[in-house]
PDB file of all heavy atoms in Angstrom:
ATOM      1  N   ASN A   1      12.152   4.275  -4.467  1.00  0.00           N
ATOM      2  CA  ASN A   1      11.043   3.574  -3.835  1.00  0.00           C
ATOM      3  C   ASN A   1       9.754   4.359  -4.064  1.00  0.00           C
ATOM      4  O   ASN A   1       9.641   5.510  -3.682  1.00  0.00           O
ATOM      5  CB  ASN A   1      11.325   3.410  -2.336  1.00  0.00           C
ATOM      6  CG  ASN A   1      10.297   2.532  -1.672  1.00  0.00           C
ATOM      7  OD1 ASN A   1       9.424   1.981  -2.333  1.00  0.00           O
ATOM      8  ND2 ASN A   1      10.422   2.386  -0.381  1.00  0.00           N
ATOM      9  N   LEU A   2       8.787   3.725  -4.698  1.00  0.00           N
ATOM     10  CA  LEU A   2       7.517   4.383  -4.992  1.00  0.00           C
ATOM     11  C   LEU A   2       6.436   4.062  -3.965  1.00  0.00           C
ATOM     12  O   LEU A   2       5.313   4.522  -4.098  1.00  0.00           O
ATOM     13  CB  LEU A   2       7.032   3.982  -6.388  1.00  0.00           C
ATOM     14  CG  LEU A   2       7.955   4.387  -7.533  1.00  0.00           C
ATOM     15  CD1 LEU A   2       7.413   3.875  -8.851  1.00  0.00           C
ATOM     16  CD2 LEU A   2       8.118   5.889  -7.588  1.00  0.00           C
ATOM     17  N   GLU A   3       6.749   3.270  -2.962  1.00  0.00           N
ATOM     18  CA  GLU A   3       5.784   2.916  -1.922  1.00  0.00           C
ATOM     19  C   GLU A   3       5.574   4.111  -0.989  1.00  0.00           C
ATOM     20  O   GLU A   3       6.504   4.860  -0.706  1.00  0.00           O
ATOM     21  CB  GLU A   3       6.299   1.733  -1.096  1.00  0.00           C
ATOM     22  CG  GLU A   3       6.375   0.441  -1.867  1.00  0.00           C
ATOM     23  CD  GLU A   3       5.004  -0.101  -2.240  1.00  0.00           C
ATOM     24  OE1 GLU A   3       4.087   0.015  -1.419  1.00  0.00           O
ATOM     25  OE2 GLU A   3       4.855  -0.596  -3.353  1.00  0.00           O
ATOM     26  N   PRO A   4       4.366   4.321  -0.479  1.00  0.00           N
ATOM     27  CA  PRO A   4       4.147   5.411   0.487  1.00  0.00           C
ATOM     28  C   PRO A   4       4.914   5.123   1.776  1.00  0.00           C
ATOM     29  O   PRO A   4       5.061   3.977   2.184  1.00  0.00           O
ATOM     30  CB  PRO A   4       2.639   5.412   0.714  1.00  0.00           C
ATOM     31  CG  PRO A   4       2.155   4.096   0.225  1.00  0.00           C
ATOM     32  CD  PRO A   4       3.150   3.602  -0.777  1.00  0.00           C
ATOM     33  N   SER A   5       5.428   6.186   2.377  1.00  0.00           N
ATOM     34  CA  SER A   5       6.266   6.008   3.555  1.00  0.00           C
ATOM     35  C   SER A   5       5.458   5.849   4.839  1.00  0.00           C
ATOM     36  O   SER A   5       5.980   5.409   5.840  1.00  0.00           O
ATOM     37  CB  SER A   5       7.218   7.198   3.695  1.00  0.00           C
ATOM     38  OG  SER A   5       6.455   8.385   3.830  1.00  0.00           O
ATOM     39  N   GLY A   6       4.174   6.192   4.816  1.00  0.00           N
ATOM     40  CA  GLY A   6       3.341   6.104   6.016  1.00  0.00           C
ATOM     41  C   GLY A   6       2.890   4.671   6.278  1.00  0.00           C
ATOM     42  O   GLY A   6       3.324   3.718   5.629  1.00  0.00           O
ATOM     43  N   PRO A   7       2.009   4.522   7.268  1.00  0.00           N
ATOM     44  CA  PRO A   7       1.509   3.177   7.548  1.00  0.00           C
ATOM     45  C   PRO A   7       0.684   2.657   6.380  1.00  0.00           C
ATOM     46  O   PRO A   7       0.075   3.415   5.634  1.00  0.00           O
ATOM     47  CB  PRO A   7       0.643   3.377   8.797  1.00  0.00           C
ATOM     48  CG  PRO A   7       0.307   4.822   8.812  1.00  0.00           C
ATOM     49  CD  PRO A   7       1.437   5.529   8.132  1.00  0.00           C
ATOM     50  N   LYS A   8       0.708   1.344   6.237  1.00  0.00           N
ATOM     51  CA  LYS A   8      -0.024   0.720   5.136  1.00  0.00           C
ATOM     52  C   LYS A   8      -1.521   0.945   5.307  1.00  0.00           C
ATOM     53  O   LYS A   8      -2.057   0.808   6.395  1.00  0.00           O
ATOM     54  CB  LYS A   8       0.282  -0.770   5.106  1.00  0.00           C
ATOM     55  CG  LYS A   8       1.717  -1.053   4.797  1.00  0.00           C
ATOM     56  CD  LYS A   8       1.763  -1.985   3.652  1.00  0.00           C
ATOM     57  CE  LYS A   8       3.238  -2.260   3.375  1.00  0.00           C
ATOM     58  NZ  LYS A   8       3.485  -2.531   2.044  1.00  0.00           N
ATOM     59  N   GLN A   9      -2.160   1.308   4.237  1.00  0.00           N
ATOM     60  CA  GLN A   9      -3.605   1.498   4.249  1.00  0.00           C
ATOM     61  C   GLN A   9      -4.272   0.159   3.964  1.00  0.00           C
ATOM     62  O   GLN A   9      -3.921  -0.521   3.016  1.00  0.00           O
ATOM     63  CB  GLN A   9      -4.021   2.508   3.168  1.00  0.00           C
ATOM     64  CG  GLN A   9      -3.473   3.883   3.381  1.00  0.00           C
ATOM     65  CD  GLN A   9      -4.086   4.541   4.602  1.00  0.00           C
ATOM     66  OE1 GLN A   9      -5.244   4.317   4.903  1.00  0.00           O
ATOM     67  NE2 GLN A   9      -3.309   5.332   5.302  1.00  0.00           N
ATOM     68  N   SER A  10      -5.220  -0.196   4.809  1.00  0.00           N
ATOM     69  CA  SER A  10      -5.938  -1.443   4.565  1.00  0.00           C
ATOM     70  C   SER A  10      -7.158  -1.164   3.704  1.00  0.00           C
ATOM     71  O   SER A  10      -7.584  -0.020   3.545  1.00  0.00           O
ATOM     72  CB  SER A  10      -6.360  -2.091   5.883  1.00  0.00           C
ATOM     73  OG  SER A  10      -7.271  -1.252   6.539  1.00  0.00           O
ATOM     74  N   ASN A  11      -7.700  -2.199   3.165  1.00  0.00           N
ATOM     75  CA  ASN A  11      -8.890  -2.081   2.338  1.00  0.00           C
ATOM     76  C   ASN A  11     -10.062  -1.684   3.224  1.00  0.00           C
ATOM     77  O   ASN A  11     -10.360  -2.356   4.196  1.00  0.00           O
ATOM     78  CB  ASN A  11      -9.148  -3.427   1.661  1.00  0.00           C
ATOM     79  CG  ASN A  11     -10.242  -3.355   0.644  1.00  0.00           C
ATOM     80  OD1 ASN A  11     -10.903  -2.333   0.493  1.00  0.00           O
ATOM     81  ND2 ASN A  11     -10.444  -4.449  -0.072  1.00  0.00           N
ATOM     82  N   PRO A  12     -10.782  -0.604   2.941  1.00  0.00           N
ATOM     83  CA  PRO A  12     -11.891  -0.191   3.808  1.00  0.00           C
ATOM     84  C   PRO A  12     -13.020  -1.208   3.854  1.00  0.00           C
ATOM     85  O   PRO A  12     -13.816  -1.201   4.771  1.00  0.00           O
ATOM     86  CB  PRO A  12     -12.371   1.121   3.204  1.00  0.00           C
ATOM     87  CG  PRO A  12     -11.693   1.272   1.910  1.00  0.00           C
ATOM     88  CD  PRO A  12     -10.554   0.320   1.858  1.00  0.00           C
ATOM     89  N   GLN A  13     -13.106  -2.116   2.868  1.00  0.00           N
ATOM     90  CA  GLN A  13     -14.107  -3.165   2.880  1.00  0.00           C
ATOM     91  C   GLN A  13     -13.898  -4.128   4.034  1.00  0.00           C
ATOM     92  O   GLN A  13     -14.847  -4.704   4.539  1.00  0.00           O
ATOM     93  CB  GLN A  13     -13.995  -3.984   1.603  1.00  0.00           C
ATOM     94  CG  GLN A  13     -15.060  -3.751   0.624  1.00  0.00           C
ATOM     95  CD  GLN A  13     -14.823  -4.599  -0.609  1.00  0.00           C
ATOM     96  OE1 GLN A  13     -13.837  -5.315  -0.711  1.00  0.00           O
ATOM     97  NE2 GLN A  13     -15.732  -4.499  -1.533  1.00  0.00           N
ATOM     98  N   ASN A  14     -12.663  -4.338   4.434  1.00  0.00           N
ATOM     99  CA  ASN A  14     -12.337  -5.388   5.386  1.00  0.00           C
ATOM    100  C   ASN A  14     -12.081  -4.874   6.795  1.00  0.00           C
ATOM    101  O   ASN A  14     -11.679  -5.645   7.654  1.00  0.00           O
ATOM    102  CB  ASN A  14     -11.114  -6.166   4.905  1.00  0.00           C
ATOM    103  CG  ASN A  14     -11.394  -6.891   3.618  1.00  0.00           C
ATOM    104  OD1 ASN A  14     -12.514  -7.303   3.374  1.00  0.00           O
ATOM    105  ND2 ASN A  14     -10.389  -7.032   2.787  1.00  0.00           N
ATOM    106  N   ILE A  15     -12.275  -3.604   7.069  1.00  0.00           N
ATOM    107  CA  ILE A  15     -12.020  -3.074   8.397  1.00  0.00           C
ATOM    108  C   ILE A  15     -13.063  -3.621   9.362  1.00  0.00           C
ATOM    109  O   ILE A  15     -14.257  -3.479   9.151  1.00  0.00           O
ATOM    110  CB  ILE A  15     -12.030  -1.535   8.391  1.00  0.00           C
ATOM    111  CG1 ILE A  15     -10.841  -1.032   7.587  1.00  0.00           C
ATOM    112  CG2 ILE A  15     -11.996  -0.985   9.806  1.00  0.00           C
ATOM    113  CD1 ILE A  15     -10.809   0.458   7.418  1.00  0.00           C
ATOM    114  N   GLY A  16     -12.623  -4.269  10.404  1.00  0.00           N
ATOM    115  CA  GLY A  16     -13.519  -4.816  11.412  1.00  0.00           C
ATOM    116  C   GLY A  16     -14.368  -5.968  10.921  1.00  0.00           C
ATOM    117  O   GLY A  16     -15.410  -6.251  11.480  1.00  0.00           O
ATOM    118  N   ALA A  17     -13.940  -6.640   9.872  1.00  0.00           N
ATOM    119  CA  ALA A  17     -14.756  -7.699   9.282  1.00  0.00           C
ATOM    120  C   ALA A  17     -14.217  -9.079   9.587  1.00  0.00           C
ATOM    121  O   ALA A  17     -14.460 -10.007   8.846  1.00  0.00           O
ATOM    122  CB  ALA A  17     -14.844  -7.480   7.779  1.00  0.00           C
ATOM    123  N   THR A  18     -13.491  -9.245  10.675  1.00  0.00           N
ATOM    124  CA  THR A  18     -12.941 -10.566  10.954  1.00  0.00           C
ATOM    125  C   THR A  18     -13.955 -11.481  11.619  1.00  0.00           C
ATOM    126  O   THR A  18     -14.017 -12.652  11.298  1.00  0.00           O
ATOM    127  CB  THR A  18     -11.689 -10.459  11.834  1.00  0.00           C
ATOM    128  OG1 THR A  18     -12.042  -9.770  13.033  1.00  0.00           O
ATOM    129  CG2 THR A  18     -10.595  -9.721  11.124  1.00  0.00           C
ATOM    130  N   TRP A  19     -14.776 -10.954  12.540  1.00  0.00           N
ATOM    131  CA  TRP A  19     -15.714 -11.860  13.207  1.00  0.00           C
ATOM    132  C   TRP A  19     -16.864 -12.283  12.308  1.00  0.00           C
ATOM    133  O   TRP A  19     -17.268 -13.444  12.356  1.00  0.00           O
ATOM    134  CB  TRP A  19     -16.207 -11.289  14.540  1.00  0.00           C
ATOM    135  CG  TRP A  19     -17.149 -10.125  14.432  1.00  0.00           C
ATOM    136  CD1 TRP A  19     -16.826  -8.811  14.434  1.00  0.00           C
ATOM    137  CD2 TRP A  19     -18.565 -10.189  14.302  1.00  0.00           C
ATOM    138  NE1 TRP A  19     -17.954  -8.052  14.305  1.00  0.00           N
ATOM    139  CE2 TRP A  19     -19.037  -8.872  14.227  1.00  0.00           C
ATOM    140  CE3 TRP A  19     -19.478 -11.230  14.242  1.00  0.00           C
ATOM    141  CZ2 TRP A  19     -20.386  -8.567  14.093  1.00  0.00           C
ATOM    142  CZ3 TRP A  19     -20.819 -10.924  14.103  1.00  0.00           C
ATOM    143  CH2 TRP A  19     -21.258  -9.605  14.041  1.00  0.00           C
ATOM    144  N   PRO A  20     -17.421 -11.429  11.418  1.00  0.00           N
ATOM    145  CA  PRO A  20     -18.460 -11.960  10.522  1.00  0.00           C
ATOM    146  C   PRO A  20     -17.899 -12.998   9.557  1.00  0.00           C
ATOM    147  O   PRO A  20     -18.557 -13.980   9.237  1.00  0.00           O
ATOM    148  CB  PRO A  20     -18.966 -10.744   9.766  1.00  0.00           C
ATOM    149  CG  PRO A  20     -18.576  -9.569  10.567  1.00  0.00           C
ATOM    150  CD  PRO A  20     -17.335  -9.971  11.278  1.00  0.00           C
ATOM    151  N   ARG A  21     -16.659 -12.785   9.130  1.00  0.00           N
ATOM    152  CA  ARG A  21     -16.030 -13.737   8.209  1.00  0.00           C
ATOM    153  C   ARG A  21     -15.834 -15.079   8.890  1.00  0.00           C
ATOM    154  O   ARG A  21     -16.176 -16.124   8.334  1.00  0.00           O
ATOM    155  CB  ARG A  21     -14.685 -13.180   7.742  1.00  0.00           C
ATOM    156  CG  ARG A  21     -13.933 -14.129   6.856  1.00  0.00           C
ATOM    157  CD  ARG A  21     -12.576 -13.552   6.454  1.00  0.00           C
ATOM    158  NE  ARG A  21     -11.906 -14.441   5.548  1.00  0.00           N
ATOM    159  CZ  ARG A  21     -10.958 -15.292   5.929  1.00  0.00           C
ATOM    160  NH1 ARG A  21     -10.557 -15.340   7.168  1.00  0.00           N
ATOM    161  NH2 ARG A  21     -10.408 -16.088   5.036  1.00  0.00           N
ATOM    162  N   SER A  22     -15.303 -15.056  10.099  1.00  0.00           N
ATOM    163  CA  SER A  22     -15.077 -16.299  10.824  1.00  0.00           C
ATOM    164  C   SER A  22     -16.381 -17.019  11.114  1.00  0.00           C
ATOM    165  O   SER A  22     -16.480 -18.241  10.974  1.00  0.00           O
ATOM    166  CB  SER A  22     -14.345 -16.015  12.140  1.00  0.00           C
ATOM    167  OG  SER A  22     -13.118 -15.401  11.897  1.00  0.00           O
ATOM    168  N   LEU A  23     -17.385 -16.261  11.513  1.00  0.00           N
ATOM    169  CA  LEU A  23     -18.685 -16.854  11.818  1.00  0.00           C
ATOM    170  C   LEU A  23     -19.335 -17.426  10.561  1.00  0.00           C
ATOM    171  O   LEU A  23     -19.925 -18.513  10.600  1.00  0.00           O
ATOM    172  CB  LEU A  23     -19.586 -15.797  12.455  1.00  0.00           C
ATOM    173  CG  LEU A  23     -20.763 -16.289  13.264  1.00  0.00           C
ATOM    174  CD1 LEU A  23     -20.313 -17.211  14.385  1.00  0.00           C
ATOM    175  CD2 LEU A  23     -21.522 -15.113  13.843  1.00  0.00           C
ATOM    176  N   ALA A  24     -19.221 -16.730   9.435  1.00  0.00           N
ATOM    177  CA  ALA A  24     -19.777 -17.237   8.180  1.00  0.00           C
ATOM    178  C   ALA A  24     -19.083 -18.520   7.751  1.00  0.00           C
ATOM    179  O   ALA A  24     -19.734 -19.468   7.304  1.00  0.00           O
ATOM    180  CB  ALA A  24     -19.662 -16.181   7.087  1.00  0.00           C
TER     181      ALA A  24
END
């Protein structure tokens, strides 16, 4: 298995970007 064993890293572009996306 070549996947990292830690928590999945999210894209830093999308961190906390749910409300502007929904509003747009």
